[in-house]
Amino acid sequence: MKQCSKCKEFKPPEEFHKRSNAKDGLASWCKLCFKKYDAARHPARYSREAEKIKERSRRFYQNNKEKRLQYISNWIKENPDKHRNYVLKYSKTKAGLEARIKSNRKHMESNPHIVAVWKVTQKALKEGLIQLDSSCKYCGRTTSLTPHHPDYSKPLDIETVCRKCHGRITQGLSPI
C-alpha cells in the first residue's frame, strides 16, 4: 500500500503510474488524482481527444474484429487461470453484474424452450416429483448441486451435477 501525496489515501501499487526515477518506481500521485488534475488543466483537449480516441478505437475494432477475437480466444486457452481470476474479479463489479443480467436476459429471450423446461423442472423439484442426488454425477462434489438436462425434450429426466461441471458441460467441455 502506498499513500497518494495529493488525496492522502492509501492505495495498492496498481493505482499509481510507473515512474522509473522514483525511489519505489511509482508516481507520488495516484492515477485518479493525476487524471483529475490533467482534465482540469486541459478541459477542451480532454473532451476532443476522448471522442477522437473512441472513434479511432471503434474503427480499429471493426477493421480487426476477427483477428482480435482469435487473439482473445487463444489467450484464454493459454491462460485459463488468469482468465478465471479476471472473470471472478469482474463479476463482482457493478458492470459485471449488469453484464451478467443482460446476458441472462438475452439467453432467455433467444431460448424460450430452455426456459420452459427449467420452469417445469423447478416446479417438479419443489413438489417432490423429482429429486437431486446427493452428489455430482461427474466429480462427486456435494455442494452447489444443480439439475442438468442432457435432452431438453425430456424435462423430468435430469442429472445431478455441481455448478462447476455444469458450466463445463454447457461450454462443450468434459465435466471434470
N, C-alpha and C. Protein backbone atom coordinates (compact mmCIF):
# COMPACT_ATOMS: atom_id res chain seq x y z
N MET A 1 0.85 -1.19 0.00
CA MET A 1 0.00 0.00 0.00
C MET A 1 0.89 1.24 0.00
N LYS A 2 0.44 2.23 -0.75
CA LYS A 2 1.19 3.47 -0.85
C LYS A 2 0.22 4.62 -0.66
N GLN A 3 0.69 5.69 -0.03
CA GLN A 3 -0.17 6.85 0.19
C GLN A 3 0.02 7.85 -0.94
N CYS A 4 -1.10 8.29 -1.49
CA CYS A 4 -1.09 9.32 -2.53
C CYS A 4 -0.77 10.65 -1.84
N SER A 5 0.19 11.41 -2.40
CA SER A 5 0.56 12.67 -1.77
C SER A 5 -0.46 13.78 -2.05
N LYS A 6 -1.39 13.54 -2.95
CA LYS A 6 -2.42 14.54 -3.27
C LYS A 6 -3.67 14.32 -2.40
N CYS A 7 -4.29 13.13 -2.52
CA CYS A 7 -5.54 12.86 -1.78
C CYS A 7 -5.30 12.24 -0.41
N LYS A 8 -4.05 11.82 -0.13
CA LYS A 8 -3.65 11.26 1.17
C LYS A 8 -4.26 9.89 1.46
N GLU A 9 -4.86 9.25 0.46
CA GLU A 9 -5.44 7.91 0.67
C GLU A 9 -4.38 6.86 0.42
N PHE A 10 -4.50 5.73 1.14
CA PHE A 10 -3.61 4.60 0.92
C PHE A 10 -4.24 3.72 -0.15
N LYS A 11 -3.45 3.40 -1.18
CA LYS A 11 -3.95 2.63 -2.31
C LYS A 11 -2.92 1.58 -2.72
N PRO A 12 -3.37 0.51 -3.41
CA PRO A 12 -2.42 -0.51 -3.88
C PRO A 12 -1.53 0.06 -4.99
N PRO A 13 -0.37 -0.53 -5.20
CA PRO A 13 0.58 -0.02 -6.20
C PRO A 13 0.00 0.09 -7.61
N GLU A 14 -0.99 -0.75 -7.94
CA GLU A 14 -1.59 -0.71 -9.28
C GLU A 14 -2.32 0.61 -9.54
N GLU A 15 -2.64 1.34 -8.47
CA GLU A 15 -3.36 2.61 -8.59
C GLU A 15 -2.44 3.79 -8.88
N PHE A 16 -1.15 3.52 -9.08
CA PHE A 16 -0.17 4.57 -9.35
C PHE A 16 0.51 4.31 -10.69
N HIS A 17 0.81 5.38 -11.43
CA HIS A 17 1.57 5.25 -12.66
C HIS A 17 3.00 4.87 -12.31
N LYS A 18 3.69 4.22 -13.24
CA LYS A 18 5.09 3.87 -13.02
C LYS A 18 5.96 5.10 -13.28
N ARG A 19 6.99 5.27 -12.47
CA ARG A 19 7.92 6.37 -12.63
C ARG A 19 9.30 5.82 -12.29
N SER A 20 10.12 5.61 -13.31
CA SER A 20 11.41 4.93 -13.13
C SER A 20 12.38 5.69 -12.24
N ASN A 21 12.29 7.02 -12.21
CA ASN A 21 13.24 7.77 -11.39
C ASN A 21 12.80 7.93 -9.94
N ALA A 22 11.63 7.42 -9.58
CA ALA A 22 11.17 7.48 -8.19
C ALA A 22 11.81 6.34 -7.39
N LYS A 23 11.96 6.55 -6.11
CA LYS A 23 12.61 5.57 -5.24
C LYS A 23 11.90 4.21 -5.31
N ASP A 24 10.56 4.23 -5.25
CA ASP A 24 9.79 2.98 -5.29
C ASP A 24 9.32 2.61 -6.69
N GLY A 25 9.68 3.42 -7.68
CA GLY A 25 9.29 3.12 -9.06
C GLY A 25 7.88 3.54 -9.41
N LEU A 26 7.22 4.29 -8.51
CA LEU A 26 5.84 4.70 -8.72
C LEU A 26 5.71 6.22 -8.57
N ALA A 27 4.72 6.79 -9.27
CA ALA A 27 4.44 8.21 -9.16
C ALA A 27 3.94 8.53 -7.76
N SER A 28 4.05 9.78 -7.34
CA SER A 28 3.61 10.14 -5.99
C SER A 28 2.10 10.35 -5.91
N TRP A 29 1.48 10.74 -7.02
CA TRP A 29 0.02 10.89 -7.07
C TRP A 29 -0.61 9.62 -7.64
N CYS A 30 -1.78 9.27 -7.16
CA CYS A 30 -2.50 8.12 -7.70
C CYS A 30 -3.03 8.48 -9.10
N LYS A 31 -3.41 7.48 -9.85
CA LYS A 31 -3.90 7.69 -11.22
C LYS A 31 -5.13 8.59 -11.25
N LEU A 32 -6.03 8.41 -10.29
CA LEU A 32 -7.26 9.19 -10.25
C LEU A 32 -6.96 10.68 -10.02
N CYS A 33 -6.08 10.99 -9.06
CA CYS A 33 -5.72 12.39 -8.81
C CYS A 33 -5.03 13.00 -10.01
N PHE A 34 -4.15 12.24 -10.65
CA PHE A 34 -3.45 12.75 -11.82
C PHE A 34 -4.44 13.03 -12.95
N LYS A 35 -5.39 12.14 -13.14
CA LYS A 35 -6.38 12.32 -14.20
C LYS A 35 -7.23 13.57 -13.94
N LYS A 36 -7.66 13.76 -12.69
CA LYS A 36 -8.45 14.95 -12.34
C LYS A 36 -7.64 16.23 -12.59
N TYR A 37 -6.38 16.21 -12.19
CA TYR A 37 -5.50 17.36 -12.37
C TYR A 37 -5.32 17.68 -13.86
N ASP A 38 -5.06 16.66 -14.64
CA ASP A 38 -4.82 16.84 -16.07
C ASP A 38 -6.09 17.31 -16.78
N ALA A 39 -7.24 16.77 -16.39
CA ALA A 39 -8.51 17.18 -17.00
C ALA A 39 -8.84 18.63 -16.67
N ALA A 40 -8.50 19.07 -15.47
CA ALA A 40 -8.75 20.46 -15.08
C ALA A 40 -7.83 21.41 -15.84
N ARG A 41 -6.61 20.97 -16.11
CA ARG A 41 -5.66 21.81 -16.85
C ARG A 41 -6.00 21.93 -18.33
N HIS A 42 -6.56 20.85 -18.90
CA HIS A 42 -6.82 20.80 -20.34
C HIS A 42 -8.24 20.32 -20.64
N PRO A 43 -9.27 21.04 -20.23
CA PRO A 43 -10.64 20.56 -20.41
C PRO A 43 -11.03 20.38 -21.87
N ALA A 44 -10.64 21.29 -22.74
CA ALA A 44 -11.01 21.18 -24.15
C ALA A 44 -10.33 19.98 -24.79
N ARG A 45 -9.05 19.81 -24.48
CA ARG A 45 -8.31 18.69 -25.07
C ARG A 45 -8.92 17.36 -24.63
N TYR A 46 -9.30 17.28 -23.38
CA TYR A 46 -9.86 16.03 -22.88
C TYR A 46 -11.13 15.64 -23.62
N SER A 47 -12.05 16.57 -23.80
CA SER A 47 -13.31 16.24 -24.46
C SER A 47 -13.10 15.94 -25.94
N ARG A 48 -12.23 16.73 -26.63
CA ARG A 48 -11.97 16.50 -28.06
C ARG A 48 -11.24 15.18 -28.25
N GLU A 49 -10.22 14.97 -27.46
CA GLU A 49 -9.42 13.77 -27.62
C GLU A 49 -10.19 12.51 -27.24
N ALA A 50 -11.05 12.61 -26.27
CA ALA A 50 -11.83 11.44 -25.87
C ALA A 50 -12.67 10.95 -27.04
N GLU A 51 -13.30 11.87 -27.75
CA GLU A 51 -14.11 11.49 -28.92
C GLU A 51 -13.24 10.91 -30.03
N LYS A 52 -12.09 11.53 -30.27
CA LYS A 52 -11.17 11.02 -31.30
C LYS A 52 -10.71 9.61 -30.97
N ILE A 53 -10.35 9.43 -29.72
CA ILE A 53 -9.86 8.11 -29.29
C ILE A 53 -10.95 7.06 -29.42
N LYS A 54 -12.17 7.39 -29.00
CA LYS A 54 -13.29 6.45 -29.11
C LYS A 54 -13.53 6.07 -30.57
N GLU A 55 -13.53 7.07 -31.45
CA GLU A 55 -13.77 6.80 -32.87
C GLU A 55 -12.65 5.95 -33.46
N ARG A 56 -11.41 6.27 -33.13
CA ARG A 56 -10.28 5.50 -33.64
C ARG A 56 -10.35 4.06 -33.13
N SER A 57 -10.68 3.87 -31.88
CA SER A 57 -10.81 2.53 -31.31
C SER A 57 -11.93 1.75 -31.98
N ARG A 58 -13.05 2.43 -32.21
CA ARG A 58 -14.20 1.81 -32.86
C ARG A 58 -13.81 1.31 -34.27
N ARG A 59 -13.12 2.18 -35.03
CA ARG A 59 -12.70 1.81 -36.39
C ARG A 59 -11.72 0.65 -36.36
N PHE A 60 -10.75 0.73 -35.45
CA PHE A 60 -9.75 -0.34 -35.34
C PHE A 60 -10.43 -1.67 -35.02
N TYR A 61 -11.35 -1.63 -34.08
CA TYR A 61 -12.05 -2.86 -33.69
C TYR A 61 -12.80 -3.45 -34.88
N GLN A 62 -13.53 -2.60 -35.62
CA GLN A 62 -14.29 -3.09 -36.77
C GLN A 62 -13.37 -3.65 -37.84
N ASN A 63 -12.24 -3.01 -38.07
CA ASN A 63 -11.31 -3.46 -39.12
C ASN A 63 -10.54 -4.72 -38.72
N ASN A 64 -10.43 -4.98 -37.44
CA ASN A 64 -9.62 -6.11 -36.97
C ASN A 64 -10.41 -7.06 -36.07
N LYS A 65 -11.72 -7.09 -36.25
CA LYS A 65 -12.59 -7.85 -35.34
C LYS A 65 -12.23 -9.33 -35.27
N GLU A 66 -12.14 -9.99 -36.42
CA GLU A 66 -11.85 -11.43 -36.43
C GLU A 66 -10.48 -11.73 -35.82
N LYS A 67 -9.49 -10.94 -36.20
CA LYS A 67 -8.13 -11.13 -35.69
C LYS A 67 -8.10 -10.95 -34.18
N ARG A 68 -8.79 -9.94 -33.69
CA ARG A 68 -8.84 -9.65 -32.26
C ARG A 68 -9.54 -10.77 -31.48
N LEU A 69 -10.67 -11.23 -32.01
CA LEU A 69 -11.41 -12.31 -31.35
C LEU A 69 -10.58 -13.59 -31.30
N GLN A 70 -9.83 -13.86 -32.38
CA GLN A 70 -8.97 -15.05 -32.41
C GLN A 70 -7.85 -14.93 -31.38
N TYR A 71 -7.28 -13.73 -31.28
CA TYR A 71 -6.22 -13.48 -30.30
C TYR A 71 -6.75 -13.71 -28.88
N ILE A 72 -7.92 -13.16 -28.59
CA ILE A 72 -8.52 -13.31 -27.26
C ILE A 72 -8.81 -14.78 -26.96
N SER A 73 -9.36 -15.47 -27.94
CA SER A 73 -9.68 -16.88 -27.77
C SER A 73 -8.41 -17.69 -27.46
N ASN A 74 -7.34 -17.42 -28.20
CA ASN A 74 -6.07 -18.12 -27.95
C ASN A 74 -5.52 -17.79 -26.57
N TRP A 75 -5.59 -16.51 -26.18
CA TRP A 75 -5.08 -16.11 -24.87
C TRP A 75 -5.83 -16.83 -23.75
N ILE A 76 -7.16 -16.93 -23.89
CA ILE A 76 -7.96 -17.60 -22.86
C ILE A 76 -7.57 -19.07 -22.75
N LYS A 77 -7.33 -19.73 -23.89
CA LYS A 77 -6.92 -21.14 -23.87
C LYS A 77 -5.55 -21.32 -23.23
N GLU A 78 -4.63 -20.36 -23.48
CA GLU A 78 -3.28 -20.46 -22.95
C GLU A 78 -3.17 -20.00 -21.49
N ASN A 79 -4.12 -19.20 -21.02
CA ASN A 79 -4.07 -18.64 -19.67
C ASN A 79 -5.39 -18.85 -18.92
N PRO A 80 -5.82 -20.09 -18.74
CA PRO A 80 -7.13 -20.31 -18.10
C PRO A 80 -7.22 -19.78 -16.67
N ASP A 81 -6.13 -19.86 -15.91
CA ASP A 81 -6.17 -19.38 -14.52
C ASP A 81 -6.28 -17.86 -14.46
N LYS A 82 -5.49 -17.18 -15.28
CA LYS A 82 -5.57 -15.71 -15.33
C LYS A 82 -6.96 -15.26 -15.77
N HIS A 83 -7.50 -15.96 -16.77
CA HIS A 83 -8.83 -15.60 -17.27
C HIS A 83 -9.88 -15.81 -16.19
N ARG A 84 -9.80 -16.94 -15.50
CA ARG A 84 -10.78 -17.24 -14.44
C ARG A 84 -10.72 -16.17 -13.35
N ASN A 85 -9.51 -15.77 -12.95
CA ASN A 85 -9.36 -14.74 -11.93
C ASN A 85 -9.93 -13.41 -12.41
N TYR A 86 -9.68 -13.07 -13.67
CA TYR A 86 -10.21 -11.84 -14.23
C TYR A 86 -11.74 -11.86 -14.23
N VAL A 87 -12.31 -12.98 -14.66
CA VAL A 87 -13.78 -13.10 -14.73
C VAL A 87 -14.38 -13.01 -13.33
N LEU A 88 -13.76 -13.66 -12.35
CA LEU A 88 -14.28 -13.61 -10.98
C LEU A 88 -14.23 -12.18 -10.43
N LYS A 89 -13.13 -11.50 -10.68
CA LYS A 89 -12.98 -10.12 -10.21
C LYS A 89 -14.01 -9.22 -10.89
N TYR A 90 -14.16 -9.36 -12.21
CA TYR A 90 -15.10 -8.54 -12.97
C TYR A 90 -16.55 -8.82 -12.56
N SER A 91 -16.87 -10.09 -12.31
CA SER A 91 -18.26 -10.44 -11.99
C SER A 91 -18.72 -9.83 -10.66
N LYS A 92 -17.78 -9.41 -9.82
CA LYS A 92 -18.13 -8.80 -8.54
C LYS A 92 -18.35 -7.28 -8.65
N THR A 93 -18.03 -6.72 -9.82
CA THR A 93 -18.23 -5.28 -10.02
C THR A 93 -19.65 -5.01 -10.47
N LYS A 94 -20.06 -3.75 -10.39
CA LYS A 94 -21.40 -3.37 -10.83
C LYS A 94 -21.56 -3.64 -12.33
N ALA A 95 -20.54 -3.31 -13.11
CA ALA A 95 -20.58 -3.55 -14.56
C ALA A 95 -20.69 -5.04 -14.85
N GLY A 96 -19.98 -5.86 -14.09
CA GLY A 96 -20.02 -7.30 -14.28
C GLY A 96 -21.40 -7.87 -13.98
N LEU A 97 -22.01 -7.39 -12.91
CA LEU A 97 -23.36 -7.83 -12.55
C LEU A 97 -24.36 -7.43 -13.64
N GLU A 98 -24.27 -6.19 -14.11
CA GLU A 98 -25.17 -5.73 -15.17
C GLU A 98 -24.98 -6.53 -16.46
N ALA A 99 -23.73 -6.84 -16.79
CA ALA A 99 -23.44 -7.63 -17.99
C ALA A 99 -24.03 -9.03 -17.87
N ARG A 100 -23.91 -9.64 -16.67
CA ARG A 100 -24.46 -10.98 -16.47
C ARG A 100 -25.98 -10.97 -16.59
N ILE A 101 -26.63 -9.94 -16.01
CA ILE A 101 -28.08 -9.84 -16.10
C ILE A 101 -28.51 -9.68 -17.57
N LYS A 102 -27.81 -8.82 -18.30
CA LYS A 102 -28.12 -8.60 -19.71
C LYS A 102 -27.93 -9.88 -20.53
N SER A 103 -26.84 -10.59 -20.25
CA SER A 103 -26.55 -11.84 -20.95
C SER A 103 -27.62 -12.90 -20.64
N ASN A 104 -27.99 -13.02 -19.37
CA ASN A 104 -29.03 -13.98 -18.99
C ASN A 104 -30.35 -13.66 -19.66
N ARG A 105 -30.70 -12.38 -19.68
CA ARG A 105 -31.95 -11.96 -20.30
C ARG A 105 -31.95 -12.30 -21.80
N LYS A 106 -30.84 -12.02 -22.47
CA LYS A 106 -30.71 -12.31 -23.90
C LYS A 106 -30.82 -13.82 -24.15
N HIS A 107 -30.15 -14.61 -23.30
CA HIS A 107 -30.20 -16.08 -23.43
C HIS A 107 -31.64 -16.58 -23.26
N MET A 108 -32.35 -16.03 -22.27
CA MET A 108 -33.72 -16.46 -22.03
C MET A 108 -34.64 -16.09 -23.20
N GLU A 109 -34.43 -14.91 -23.78
CA GLU A 109 -35.27 -14.49 -24.90
C GLU A 109 -35.01 -15.32 -26.15
N SER A 110 -33.76 -15.73 -26.35
CA SER A 110 -33.43 -16.49 -27.56
C SER A 110 -33.61 -18.00 -27.38
N ASN A 111 -33.88 -18.46 -26.16
CA ASN A 111 -34.06 -19.89 -25.89
C ASN A 111 -35.30 -20.14 -25.03
N PRO A 112 -36.49 -19.80 -25.53
CA PRO A 112 -37.69 -19.97 -24.70
C PRO A 112 -37.96 -21.43 -24.32
N HIS A 113 -37.54 -22.37 -25.17
CA HIS A 113 -37.76 -23.79 -24.85
C HIS A 113 -36.96 -24.21 -23.62
N ILE A 114 -35.76 -23.67 -23.47
CA ILE A 114 -34.93 -23.99 -22.30
C ILE A 114 -35.56 -23.40 -21.03
N VAL A 115 -36.07 -22.20 -21.15
CA VAL A 115 -36.73 -21.55 -20.01
C VAL A 115 -37.95 -22.36 -19.58
N ALA A 116 -38.72 -22.82 -20.56
CA ALA A 116 -39.91 -23.62 -20.25
C ALA A 116 -39.53 -24.92 -19.53
N VAL A 117 -38.49 -25.59 -20.01
CA VAL A 117 -38.03 -26.83 -19.37
C VAL A 117 -37.54 -26.54 -17.96
N TRP A 118 -36.79 -25.43 -17.78
CA TRP A 118 -36.29 -25.05 -16.46
C TRP A 118 -37.46 -24.83 -15.49
N LYS A 119 -38.52 -24.15 -15.94
CA LYS A 119 -39.67 -23.90 -15.08
C LYS A 119 -40.35 -25.20 -14.67
N VAL A 120 -40.50 -26.12 -15.61
CA VAL A 120 -41.11 -27.42 -15.31
C VAL A 120 -40.26 -28.17 -14.29
N THR A 121 -38.96 -28.16 -14.50
CA THR A 121 -38.04 -28.85 -13.58
C THR A 121 -38.10 -28.25 -12.18
N GLN A 122 -38.07 -26.92 -12.09
CA GLN A 122 -38.12 -26.27 -10.78
C GLN A 122 -39.42 -26.60 -10.05
N LYS A 123 -40.53 -26.63 -10.79
CA LYS A 123 -41.82 -26.95 -10.19
C LYS A 123 -41.82 -28.40 -9.69
N ALA A 124 -41.29 -29.32 -10.52
CA ALA A 124 -41.24 -30.74 -10.14
C ALA A 124 -40.35 -30.94 -8.91
N LEU A 125 -39.24 -30.22 -8.85
CA LEU A 125 -38.36 -30.33 -7.67
C LEU A 125 -39.07 -29.81 -6.42
N LYS A 126 -39.76 -28.69 -6.57
CA LYS A 126 -40.46 -28.09 -5.44
C LYS A 126 -41.58 -29.00 -4.92
N GLU A 127 -42.28 -29.65 -5.84
CA GLU A 127 -43.40 -30.53 -5.47
C GLU A 127 -42.93 -31.93 -5.07
N GLY A 128 -41.63 -32.22 -5.23
CA GLY A 128 -41.11 -33.52 -4.84
C GLY A 128 -41.30 -34.61 -5.87
N LEU A 129 -41.67 -34.26 -7.11
CA LEU A 129 -41.84 -35.26 -8.16
C LEU A 129 -40.50 -35.84 -8.60
N ILE A 130 -39.46 -35.01 -8.54
CA ILE A 130 -38.10 -35.47 -8.83
C ILE A 130 -37.20 -34.92 -7.73
N GLN A 131 -36.04 -35.56 -7.55
CA GLN A 131 -35.10 -35.10 -6.53
C GLN A 131 -33.69 -35.10 -7.11
N LEU A 132 -32.88 -34.19 -6.59
CA LEU A 132 -31.47 -34.19 -6.95
C LEU A 132 -30.76 -35.26 -6.13
N ASP A 133 -29.74 -35.88 -6.72
CA ASP A 133 -28.92 -36.83 -5.97
C ASP A 133 -28.10 -36.05 -4.95
N SER A 134 -27.43 -36.76 -4.07
CA SER A 134 -26.68 -36.08 -3.01
C SER A 134 -25.29 -35.64 -3.45
N SER A 135 -24.85 -36.04 -4.66
CA SER A 135 -23.52 -35.64 -5.13
C SER A 135 -23.51 -35.50 -6.66
N CYS A 136 -22.51 -34.80 -7.15
CA CYS A 136 -22.36 -34.58 -8.59
C CYS A 136 -22.07 -35.91 -9.28
N LYS A 137 -22.72 -36.13 -10.40
CA LYS A 137 -22.56 -37.36 -11.16
C LYS A 137 -21.12 -37.53 -11.66
N TYR A 138 -20.41 -36.42 -11.91
CA TYR A 138 -19.09 -36.48 -12.54
C TYR A 138 -17.93 -36.39 -11.56
N CYS A 139 -17.99 -35.45 -10.60
CA CYS A 139 -16.83 -35.25 -9.72
C CYS A 139 -17.10 -35.66 -8.28
N GLY A 140 -18.36 -35.93 -7.92
CA GLY A 140 -18.68 -36.36 -6.57
C GLY A 140 -18.86 -35.25 -5.56
N ARG A 141 -18.72 -33.99 -6.00
CA ARG A 141 -18.89 -32.85 -5.09
C ARG A 141 -20.30 -32.87 -4.51
N THR A 142 -20.43 -32.43 -3.26
CA THR A 142 -21.74 -32.48 -2.60
C THR A 142 -22.34 -31.09 -2.37
N THR A 143 -21.67 -30.05 -2.85
CA THR A 143 -22.18 -28.69 -2.69
C THR A 143 -22.47 -28.06 -4.04
N SER A 144 -23.30 -27.04 -4.05
CA SER A 144 -23.67 -26.28 -5.26
C SER A 144 -24.20 -27.20 -6.36
N LEU A 145 -25.12 -28.07 -6.01
CA LEU A 145 -25.68 -29.01 -6.98
C LEU A 145 -26.83 -28.37 -7.76
N THR A 146 -26.95 -28.77 -9.01
CA THR A 146 -27.98 -28.23 -9.89
C THR A 146 -28.42 -29.31 -10.87
N PRO A 147 -29.65 -29.23 -11.36
CA PRO A 147 -30.08 -30.21 -12.36
C PRO A 147 -29.51 -29.89 -13.74
N HIS A 148 -29.16 -30.93 -14.49
CA HIS A 148 -28.70 -30.77 -15.87
C HIS A 148 -29.58 -31.61 -16.77
N HIS A 149 -29.97 -31.04 -17.90
CA HIS A 149 -30.81 -31.75 -18.87
C HIS A 149 -29.97 -32.21 -20.06
N PRO A 150 -29.66 -33.50 -20.15
CA PRO A 150 -28.94 -33.99 -21.32
C PRO A 150 -29.82 -33.87 -22.58
N ASP A 151 -31.14 -33.92 -22.38
CA ASP A 151 -32.09 -33.84 -23.51
C ASP A 151 -33.27 -32.97 -23.07
N TYR A 152 -33.41 -31.80 -23.69
CA TYR A 152 -34.46 -30.86 -23.30
C TYR A 152 -35.87 -31.35 -23.67
N SER A 153 -35.96 -32.37 -24.51
CA SER A 153 -37.29 -32.89 -24.84
C SER A 153 -37.85 -33.74 -23.69
N LYS A 154 -37.01 -34.04 -22.70
CA LYS A 154 -37.42 -34.81 -21.52
C LYS A 154 -37.15 -33.97 -20.27
N PRO A 155 -38.05 -33.04 -19.92
CA PRO A 155 -37.77 -32.11 -18.83
C PRO A 155 -37.58 -32.73 -17.46
N LEU A 156 -38.14 -33.90 -17.22
CA LEU A 156 -38.01 -34.52 -15.90
C LEU A 156 -36.85 -35.52 -15.84
N ASP A 157 -36.17 -35.72 -16.95
CA ASP A 157 -35.01 -36.60 -16.99
C ASP A 157 -33.77 -35.74 -16.75
N ILE A 158 -33.29 -35.72 -15.51
CA ILE A 158 -32.18 -34.83 -15.15
C ILE A 158 -31.00 -35.62 -14.59
N GLU A 159 -29.84 -34.99 -14.65
CA GLU A 159 -28.64 -35.49 -13.99
C GLU A 159 -28.29 -34.47 -12.90
N THR A 160 -27.80 -34.93 -11.77
CA THR A 160 -27.36 -34.03 -10.73
C THR A 160 -25.89 -33.73 -10.95
N VAL A 161 -25.58 -32.44 -11.13
CA VAL A 161 -24.19 -32.03 -11.33
C VAL A 161 -23.90 -30.80 -10.48
N CYS A 162 -22.62 -30.58 -10.19
CA CYS A 162 -22.26 -29.36 -9.46
C CYS A 162 -22.19 -28.22 -10.48
N ARG A 163 -22.19 -27.00 -10.00
CA ARG A 163 -22.17 -25.84 -10.89
C ARG A 163 -20.92 -25.81 -11.77
N LYS A 164 -19.79 -26.23 -11.22
CA LYS A 164 -18.54 -26.23 -11.99
C LYS A 164 -18.65 -27.20 -13.18
N CYS A 165 -19.08 -28.40 -12.94
CA CYS A 165 -19.23 -29.39 -14.02
C CYS A 165 -20.32 -28.95 -15.00
N HIS A 166 -21.40 -28.36 -14.48
CA HIS A 166 -22.48 -27.90 -15.35
C HIS A 166 -21.98 -26.81 -16.30
N GLY A 167 -21.18 -25.90 -15.76
CA GLY A 167 -20.62 -24.86 -16.62
C GLY A 167 -19.74 -25.43 -17.71
N ARG A 168 -18.93 -26.43 -17.37
CA ARG A 168 -18.07 -27.04 -18.38
C ARG A 168 -18.88 -27.81 -19.42
N ILE A 169 -19.93 -28.49 -18.98
CA ILE A 169 -20.78 -29.24 -19.92
C ILE A 169 -21.44 -28.29 -20.91
N THR A 170 -21.99 -27.18 -20.41
CA THR A 170 -22.69 -26.24 -21.29
C THR A 170 -21.74 -25.53 -22.25
N GLN A 171 -20.45 -25.51 -21.92
CA GLN A 171 -19.45 -24.93 -22.82
C GLN A 171 -18.91 -25.96 -23.81
N GLY A 172 -19.41 -27.20 -23.69
CA GLY A 172 -18.98 -28.26 -24.60
C GLY A 172 -17.67 -28.91 -24.19
N LEU A 173 -17.28 -28.74 -22.92
CA LEU A 173 -16.05 -29.34 -22.43
C LEU A 173 -16.38 -30.57 -21.61
N SER A 174 -15.35 -31.36 -21.29
CA SER A 174 -15.61 -32.52 -20.44
C SER A 174 -15.87 -32.01 -19.02
N PRO A 175 -16.77 -32.63 -18.29
CA PRO A 175 -17.19 -32.11 -16.98
C PRO A 175 -16.07 -32.05 -15.95
N ILE A 176 -15.10 -32.92 -16.02
CA ILE A 176 -14.06 -32.93 -14.97
C ILE A 176 -12.78 -32.33 -15.50
